[in-house]
Amino acid sequence: EEPASYERLVLKNASVYHYLRISLVFQDSDKRLSEAQFKQLIISALRDLYGEIGAAFPFDVLKFEENTLKAIIRVLSSGLVKLWSALTLLGSYQNEPCAFRIIQVSPLLLALSGNSRDFE
C-alpha cells in the first residue's frame, strides 16, 4: 500500500479592490455628518497616521447613510491594511470622542449585500 500523499493549494486573492462596510459611532448619538465630512474624516485619519502621502491614498465611498453614519467603502486591496488601521486608531472628530466600527470586509461587493448577523 502506498503512503498517503498530500497536495497543498495556496490561492491568492486576485481581486483588485476590497469593500468595507463601516459605521461611525459617537459618544453623543445626535451627531450628524454629510458624505463629504465623512470622507474628510477618513482622509484626516489617514493623514494623522501616515502623513501627507497617506492622505492621498485612493478610496471611494460607494454608499453613505446619513442617518445611521454607515458606509460602504471601496479600497485597493494593497491598501486595505493601511485604511483599516487608520480607521481603527481614529479617536475623535471635532474634539468629540468617536470610533469607526468595521462591520464587514470582502473582496466581493455582492458579499456585503447580506449579513448573517441580521437574519431572524
N, C-alpha and C. Protein backbone atom coordinates (compact mmCIF):
# COMPACT_ATOMS: atom_id res chain seq x y z
N GLU A 1 0.84 -1.18 0.00
CA GLU A 1 0.00 0.00 0.00
C GLU A 1 0.89 1.25 0.00
N GLU A 2 0.53 2.22 -0.83
CA GLU A 2 1.30 3.46 -0.94
C GLU A 2 0.95 4.41 0.21
N PRO A 3 1.94 5.15 0.69
CA PRO A 3 1.63 6.14 1.74
C PRO A 3 0.75 7.25 1.15
N ALA A 4 -0.05 7.86 2.01
CA ALA A 4 -0.93 8.94 1.57
C ALA A 4 -0.12 10.14 1.11
N SER A 5 -0.55 10.72 0.05
CA SER A 5 0.14 11.93 -0.43
C SER A 5 -0.79 13.13 -0.24
N TYR A 6 -0.20 14.27 0.04
CA TYR A 6 -0.96 15.47 0.29
C TYR A 6 -0.55 16.53 -0.72
N GLU A 7 -1.50 17.28 -1.14
CA GLU A 7 -1.23 18.38 -2.06
C GLU A 7 -1.65 19.67 -1.38
N ARG A 8 -0.75 20.60 -1.33
CA ARG A 8 -1.03 21.88 -0.69
C ARG A 8 -1.43 22.89 -1.76
N LEU A 9 -2.58 23.50 -1.58
CA LEU A 9 -3.05 24.52 -2.51
C LEU A 9 -3.07 25.86 -1.79
N VAL A 10 -2.44 26.83 -2.40
CA VAL A 10 -2.44 28.19 -1.87
C VAL A 10 -3.05 29.09 -2.93
N LEU A 11 -4.17 29.70 -2.58
CA LEU A 11 -4.85 30.57 -3.53
C LEU A 11 -4.63 32.02 -3.13
N LYS A 12 -4.21 32.82 -4.08
CA LYS A 12 -4.04 34.24 -3.83
C LYS A 12 -5.29 34.97 -4.29
N ASN A 13 -5.66 35.96 -3.54
CA ASN A 13 -6.82 36.75 -3.91
C ASN A 13 -6.45 37.62 -5.11
N ALA A 14 -7.17 37.43 -6.20
CA ALA A 14 -6.88 38.17 -7.43
C ALA A 14 -7.68 39.46 -7.54
N SER A 15 -8.48 39.76 -6.54
CA SER A 15 -9.32 40.95 -6.59
C SER A 15 -8.48 42.21 -6.46
N VAL A 16 -8.79 43.18 -7.27
CA VAL A 16 -8.08 44.46 -7.23
C VAL A 16 -8.54 45.30 -6.03
N TYR A 17 -9.83 45.20 -5.71
CA TYR A 17 -10.41 46.01 -4.64
C TYR A 17 -10.91 45.15 -3.48
N HIS A 18 -11.02 45.79 -2.33
CA HIS A 18 -11.72 45.23 -1.18
C HIS A 18 -12.81 46.23 -0.80
N TYR A 19 -13.87 45.72 -0.23
CA TYR A 19 -15.00 46.54 0.16
C TYR A 19 -15.21 46.42 1.66
N LEU A 20 -15.46 47.54 2.30
CA LEU A 20 -15.67 47.56 3.74
C LEU A 20 -17.03 48.18 4.04
N ARG A 21 -17.77 47.55 4.92
CA ARG A 21 -18.98 48.16 5.48
C ARG A 21 -18.58 48.65 6.86
N ILE A 22 -18.67 49.95 7.06
CA ILE A 22 -18.22 50.55 8.32
C ILE A 22 -19.31 51.43 8.90
N SER A 23 -19.19 51.71 10.18
CA SER A 23 -20.09 52.67 10.82
C SER A 23 -19.26 53.56 11.74
N LEU A 24 -19.72 54.77 11.90
CA LEU A 24 -19.08 55.73 12.78
C LEU A 24 -19.98 55.91 14.00
N VAL A 25 -19.40 55.72 15.17
CA VAL A 25 -20.16 55.79 16.41
C VAL A 25 -19.62 56.94 17.26
N PHE A 26 -20.52 57.83 17.66
CA PHE A 26 -20.16 58.94 18.54
C PHE A 26 -20.66 58.65 19.94
N GLN A 27 -19.99 59.25 20.92
CA GLN A 27 -20.46 59.12 22.29
C GLN A 27 -21.83 59.80 22.42
N ASP A 28 -21.97 60.94 21.75
CA ASP A 28 -23.26 61.62 21.68
C ASP A 28 -23.92 61.18 20.38
N SER A 29 -25.00 60.43 20.45
CA SER A 29 -25.59 59.81 19.27
C SER A 29 -26.30 60.79 18.34
N ASP A 30 -26.42 62.07 18.72
CA ASP A 30 -27.13 63.04 17.90
C ASP A 30 -26.26 63.68 16.82
N LYS A 31 -25.00 63.33 16.75
CA LYS A 31 -24.08 63.95 15.79
C LYS A 31 -24.41 63.49 14.38
N ARG A 32 -24.42 64.41 13.42
CA ARG A 32 -24.70 64.11 12.02
C ARG A 32 -23.58 64.66 11.15
N LEU A 33 -23.27 63.92 10.11
CA LEU A 33 -22.25 64.33 9.15
C LEU A 33 -22.78 64.15 7.75
N SER A 34 -22.30 64.97 6.83
CA SER A 34 -22.61 64.78 5.42
C SER A 34 -21.61 63.77 4.85
N GLU A 35 -21.86 63.33 3.63
CA GLU A 35 -20.94 62.39 3.00
C GLU A 35 -19.55 63.01 2.81
N ALA A 36 -19.50 64.28 2.47
CA ALA A 36 -18.22 64.97 2.30
C ALA A 36 -17.45 65.04 3.62
N GLN A 37 -18.14 65.34 4.72
CA GLN A 37 -17.48 65.38 6.02
C GLN A 37 -17.00 63.99 6.44
N PHE A 38 -17.79 62.98 6.13
CA PHE A 38 -17.42 61.59 6.44
C PHE A 38 -16.14 61.21 5.71
N LYS A 39 -16.07 61.52 4.42
CA LYS A 39 -14.86 61.20 3.64
C LYS A 39 -13.67 62.01 4.14
N GLN A 40 -13.90 63.26 4.48
CA GLN A 40 -12.81 64.10 5.01
C GLN A 40 -12.28 63.56 6.33
N LEU A 41 -13.16 63.00 7.14
CA LEU A 41 -12.75 62.40 8.41
C LEU A 41 -11.83 61.21 8.17
N ILE A 42 -12.15 60.40 7.17
CA ILE A 42 -11.30 59.25 6.82
C ILE A 42 -9.96 59.74 6.30
N ILE A 43 -9.97 60.77 5.47
CA ILE A 43 -8.72 61.33 4.94
C ILE A 43 -7.86 61.87 6.08
N SER A 44 -8.47 62.55 7.04
CA SER A 44 -7.69 63.08 8.17
C SER A 44 -7.15 61.94 9.04
N ALA A 45 -7.88 60.83 9.15
CA ALA A 45 -7.36 59.67 9.89
C ALA A 45 -6.15 59.09 9.19
N LEU A 46 -6.20 59.02 7.86
CA LEU A 46 -5.04 58.55 7.09
C LEU A 46 -3.86 59.51 7.23
N ARG A 47 -4.14 60.82 7.20
CA ARG A 47 -3.08 61.83 7.33
C ARG A 47 -2.43 61.75 8.71
N ASP A 48 -3.23 61.58 9.76
CA ASP A 48 -2.68 61.51 11.11
C ASP A 48 -1.74 60.33 11.29
N LEU A 49 -2.07 59.21 10.65
CA LEU A 49 -1.26 58.00 10.83
C LEU A 49 -0.12 57.89 9.83
N TYR A 50 -0.36 58.29 8.58
CA TYR A 50 0.62 58.07 7.51
C TYR A 50 1.15 59.33 6.85
N GLY A 51 0.75 60.50 7.33
CA GLY A 51 1.25 61.75 6.76
C GLY A 51 0.53 62.12 5.48
N GLU A 52 1.12 63.08 4.75
CA GLU A 52 0.50 63.59 3.53
C GLU A 52 0.39 62.52 2.44
N ILE A 53 1.36 61.63 2.38
CA ILE A 53 1.30 60.55 1.38
C ILE A 53 0.11 59.63 1.68
N GLY A 54 -0.11 59.36 2.94
CA GLY A 54 -1.24 58.53 3.33
C GLY A 54 -2.57 59.21 3.06
N ALA A 55 -2.62 60.52 3.16
CA ALA A 55 -3.86 61.25 2.91
C ALA A 55 -4.23 61.22 1.43
N ALA A 56 -3.26 60.97 0.57
CA ALA A 56 -3.51 60.90 -0.87
C ALA A 56 -3.91 59.49 -1.31
N PHE A 57 -4.06 58.60 -0.37
CA PHE A 57 -4.40 57.21 -0.67
C PHE A 57 -5.80 57.12 -1.29
N PRO A 58 -5.95 56.42 -2.43
CA PRO A 58 -7.26 56.39 -3.10
C PRO A 58 -8.25 55.41 -2.47
N PHE A 59 -9.45 55.91 -2.20
CA PHE A 59 -10.57 55.07 -1.76
C PHE A 59 -11.85 55.78 -2.18
N ASP A 60 -12.93 55.04 -2.26
CA ASP A 60 -14.21 55.61 -2.68
C ASP A 60 -15.29 55.26 -1.67
N VAL A 61 -16.14 56.22 -1.38
CA VAL A 61 -17.33 55.97 -0.58
C VAL A 61 -18.45 55.65 -1.56
N LEU A 62 -18.81 54.38 -1.64
CA LEU A 62 -19.81 53.95 -2.61
C LEU A 62 -21.23 54.24 -2.14
N LYS A 63 -21.46 54.10 -0.86
CA LYS A 63 -22.79 54.33 -0.31
C LYS A 63 -22.63 54.91 1.09
N PHE A 64 -23.43 55.91 1.40
CA PHE A 64 -23.37 56.53 2.72
C PHE A 64 -24.78 56.77 3.22
N GLU A 65 -25.05 56.35 4.44
CA GLU A 65 -26.35 56.57 5.07
C GLU A 65 -26.17 57.64 6.14
N GLU A 66 -26.72 58.80 5.87
CA GLU A 66 -26.51 59.94 6.74
C GLU A 66 -27.15 59.76 8.11
N ASN A 67 -28.29 59.10 8.17
CA ASN A 67 -28.99 58.97 9.46
C ASN A 67 -28.35 57.94 10.39
N THR A 68 -27.66 56.92 9.83
CA THR A 68 -27.02 55.90 10.68
C THR A 68 -25.49 56.01 10.69
N LEU A 69 -24.94 56.88 9.85
CA LEU A 69 -23.49 57.05 9.71
C LEU A 69 -22.80 55.73 9.32
N LYS A 70 -23.45 54.96 8.46
CA LYS A 70 -22.87 53.73 7.92
C LYS A 70 -22.50 53.96 6.47
N ALA A 71 -21.44 53.27 6.02
CA ALA A 71 -20.98 53.46 4.65
C ALA A 71 -20.37 52.17 4.11
N ILE A 72 -20.34 52.11 2.78
CA ILE A 72 -19.60 51.06 2.08
C ILE A 72 -18.47 51.75 1.35
N ILE A 73 -17.25 51.28 1.60
CA ILE A 73 -16.05 51.90 1.04
C ILE A 73 -15.33 50.91 0.16
N ARG A 74 -14.83 51.38 -0.98
CA ARG A 74 -14.00 50.57 -1.87
C ARG A 74 -12.57 51.07 -1.77
N VAL A 75 -11.64 50.13 -1.59
CA VAL A 75 -10.23 50.48 -1.44
C VAL A 75 -9.40 49.46 -2.22
N LEU A 76 -8.26 49.90 -2.74
CA LEU A 76 -7.35 48.96 -3.39
C LEU A 76 -6.92 47.89 -2.39
N SER A 77 -6.87 46.65 -2.83
CA SER A 77 -6.50 45.56 -1.93
C SER A 77 -5.14 45.79 -1.28
N SER A 78 -4.23 46.43 -2.02
CA SER A 78 -2.89 46.69 -1.48
C SER A 78 -2.91 47.68 -0.32
N GLY A 79 -3.98 48.46 -0.19
CA GLY A 79 -4.05 49.46 0.87
C GLY A 79 -5.07 49.16 1.95
N LEU A 80 -5.62 47.95 1.92
CA LEU A 80 -6.65 47.60 2.90
C LEU A 80 -6.15 47.74 4.33
N VAL A 81 -4.97 47.25 4.61
CA VAL A 81 -4.43 47.28 5.97
C VAL A 81 -4.20 48.72 6.42
N LYS A 82 -3.72 49.57 5.53
CA LYS A 82 -3.49 50.98 5.88
C LYS A 82 -4.79 51.68 6.24
N LEU A 83 -5.81 51.48 5.41
CA LEU A 83 -7.08 52.13 5.69
C LEU A 83 -7.70 51.58 6.97
N TRP A 84 -7.66 50.28 7.15
CA TRP A 84 -8.24 49.65 8.33
C TRP A 84 -7.56 50.17 9.60
N SER A 85 -6.23 50.24 9.58
CA SER A 85 -5.50 50.71 10.77
C SER A 85 -5.79 52.18 11.05
N ALA A 86 -5.91 53.00 10.02
CA ALA A 86 -6.22 54.42 10.23
C ALA A 86 -7.61 54.58 10.83
N LEU A 87 -8.58 53.80 10.35
CA LEU A 87 -9.93 53.86 10.89
C LEU A 87 -9.97 53.40 12.34
N THR A 88 -9.23 52.34 12.63
CA THR A 88 -9.22 51.78 13.98
C THR A 88 -8.62 52.75 14.99
N LEU A 89 -7.61 53.50 14.60
CA LEU A 89 -6.91 54.37 15.54
C LEU A 89 -7.51 55.77 15.68
N LEU A 90 -8.51 56.09 14.87
CA LEU A 90 -9.15 57.39 15.00
C LEU A 90 -9.94 57.43 16.31
N GLY A 91 -9.82 58.52 17.05
CA GLY A 91 -10.47 58.58 18.36
C GLY A 91 -11.41 59.74 18.57
N SER A 92 -11.35 60.76 17.68
CA SER A 92 -12.23 61.90 17.90
C SER A 92 -12.48 62.65 16.60
N TYR A 93 -13.57 63.39 16.59
CA TYR A 93 -13.92 64.27 15.48
C TYR A 93 -14.42 65.57 16.09
N GLN A 94 -13.75 66.68 15.79
CA GLN A 94 -14.05 67.99 16.35
C GLN A 94 -14.13 67.93 17.88
N ASN A 95 -13.11 67.33 18.47
CA ASN A 95 -12.96 67.17 19.92
C ASN A 95 -14.09 66.38 20.58
N GLU A 96 -14.77 65.56 19.82
CA GLU A 96 -15.82 64.70 20.35
C GLU A 96 -15.41 63.24 20.14
N PRO A 97 -15.39 62.44 21.21
CA PRO A 97 -14.96 61.04 21.07
C PRO A 97 -15.83 60.26 20.09
N CYS A 98 -15.16 59.49 19.23
CA CYS A 98 -15.88 58.66 18.26
C CYS A 98 -15.01 57.46 17.91
N ALA A 99 -15.60 56.52 17.22
CA ALA A 99 -14.86 55.33 16.78
C ALA A 99 -15.50 54.77 15.53
N PHE A 100 -14.67 54.28 14.62
CA PHE A 100 -15.16 53.56 13.46
C PHE A 100 -15.31 52.10 13.84
N ARG A 101 -16.38 51.48 13.41
CA ARG A 101 -16.59 50.04 13.58
C ARG A 101 -16.56 49.40 12.21
N ILE A 102 -15.71 48.41 12.04
CA ILE A 102 -15.65 47.66 10.79
C ILE A 102 -16.67 46.53 10.91
N ILE A 103 -17.71 46.58 10.11
CA ILE A 103 -18.78 45.60 10.20
C ILE A 103 -18.49 44.39 9.32
N GLN A 104 -18.11 44.63 8.07
CA GLN A 104 -17.81 43.54 7.14
C GLN A 104 -16.70 43.98 6.20
N VAL A 105 -15.91 43.01 5.76
CA VAL A 105 -14.87 43.24 4.76
C VAL A 105 -14.92 42.08 3.78
N SER A 106 -14.84 42.40 2.48
CA SER A 106 -14.88 41.35 1.48
C SER A 106 -14.23 41.83 0.19
N PRO A 107 -13.63 40.92 -0.58
CA PRO A 107 -13.14 41.30 -1.91
C PRO A 107 -14.27 41.38 -2.94
N LEU A 108 -15.47 40.95 -2.53
CA LEU A 108 -16.63 40.96 -3.43
C LEU A 108 -17.70 41.88 -2.87
N LEU A 109 -18.13 42.83 -3.68
CA LEU A 109 -19.15 43.77 -3.24
C LEU A 109 -20.46 43.06 -2.94
N LEU A 110 -20.78 42.05 -3.70
CA LEU A 110 -22.02 41.31 -3.51
C LEU A 110 -22.09 40.67 -2.12
N ALA A 111 -20.96 40.33 -1.56
CA ALA A 111 -20.93 39.70 -0.23
C ALA A 111 -21.43 40.65 0.86
N LEU A 112 -21.39 41.95 0.61
CA LEU A 112 -21.85 42.92 1.61
C LEU A 112 -23.37 43.15 1.54
N SER A 113 -24.02 42.54 0.56
CA SER A 113 -25.45 42.76 0.41
C SER A 113 -26.26 42.10 1.53
N GLY A 114 -25.72 41.06 2.13
CA GLY A 114 -26.42 40.41 3.22
C GLY A 114 -25.48 40.18 4.39
N ASN A 115 -26.04 40.19 5.58
CA ASN A 115 -25.26 39.96 6.78
C ASN A 115 -25.97 38.91 7.61
N SER A 116 -25.35 37.77 7.82
CA SER A 116 -25.99 36.69 8.56
C SER A 116 -26.31 37.07 10.01
N ARG A 117 -25.66 38.10 10.52
CA ARG A 117 -25.95 38.54 11.88
C ARG A 117 -27.28 39.28 11.97
N ASP A 118 -27.79 39.71 10.82
CA ASP A 118 -29.06 40.42 10.80
C ASP A 118 -30.26 39.52 10.56
N PHE A 119 -30.02 38.25 10.25
CA PHE A 119 -31.11 37.32 9.97
C PHE A 119 -31.91 37.03 11.22
N GLU A 120 -33.20 36.84 11.04
CA GLU A 120 -34.07 36.49 12.18
C GLU A 120 -34.70 35.14 11.92
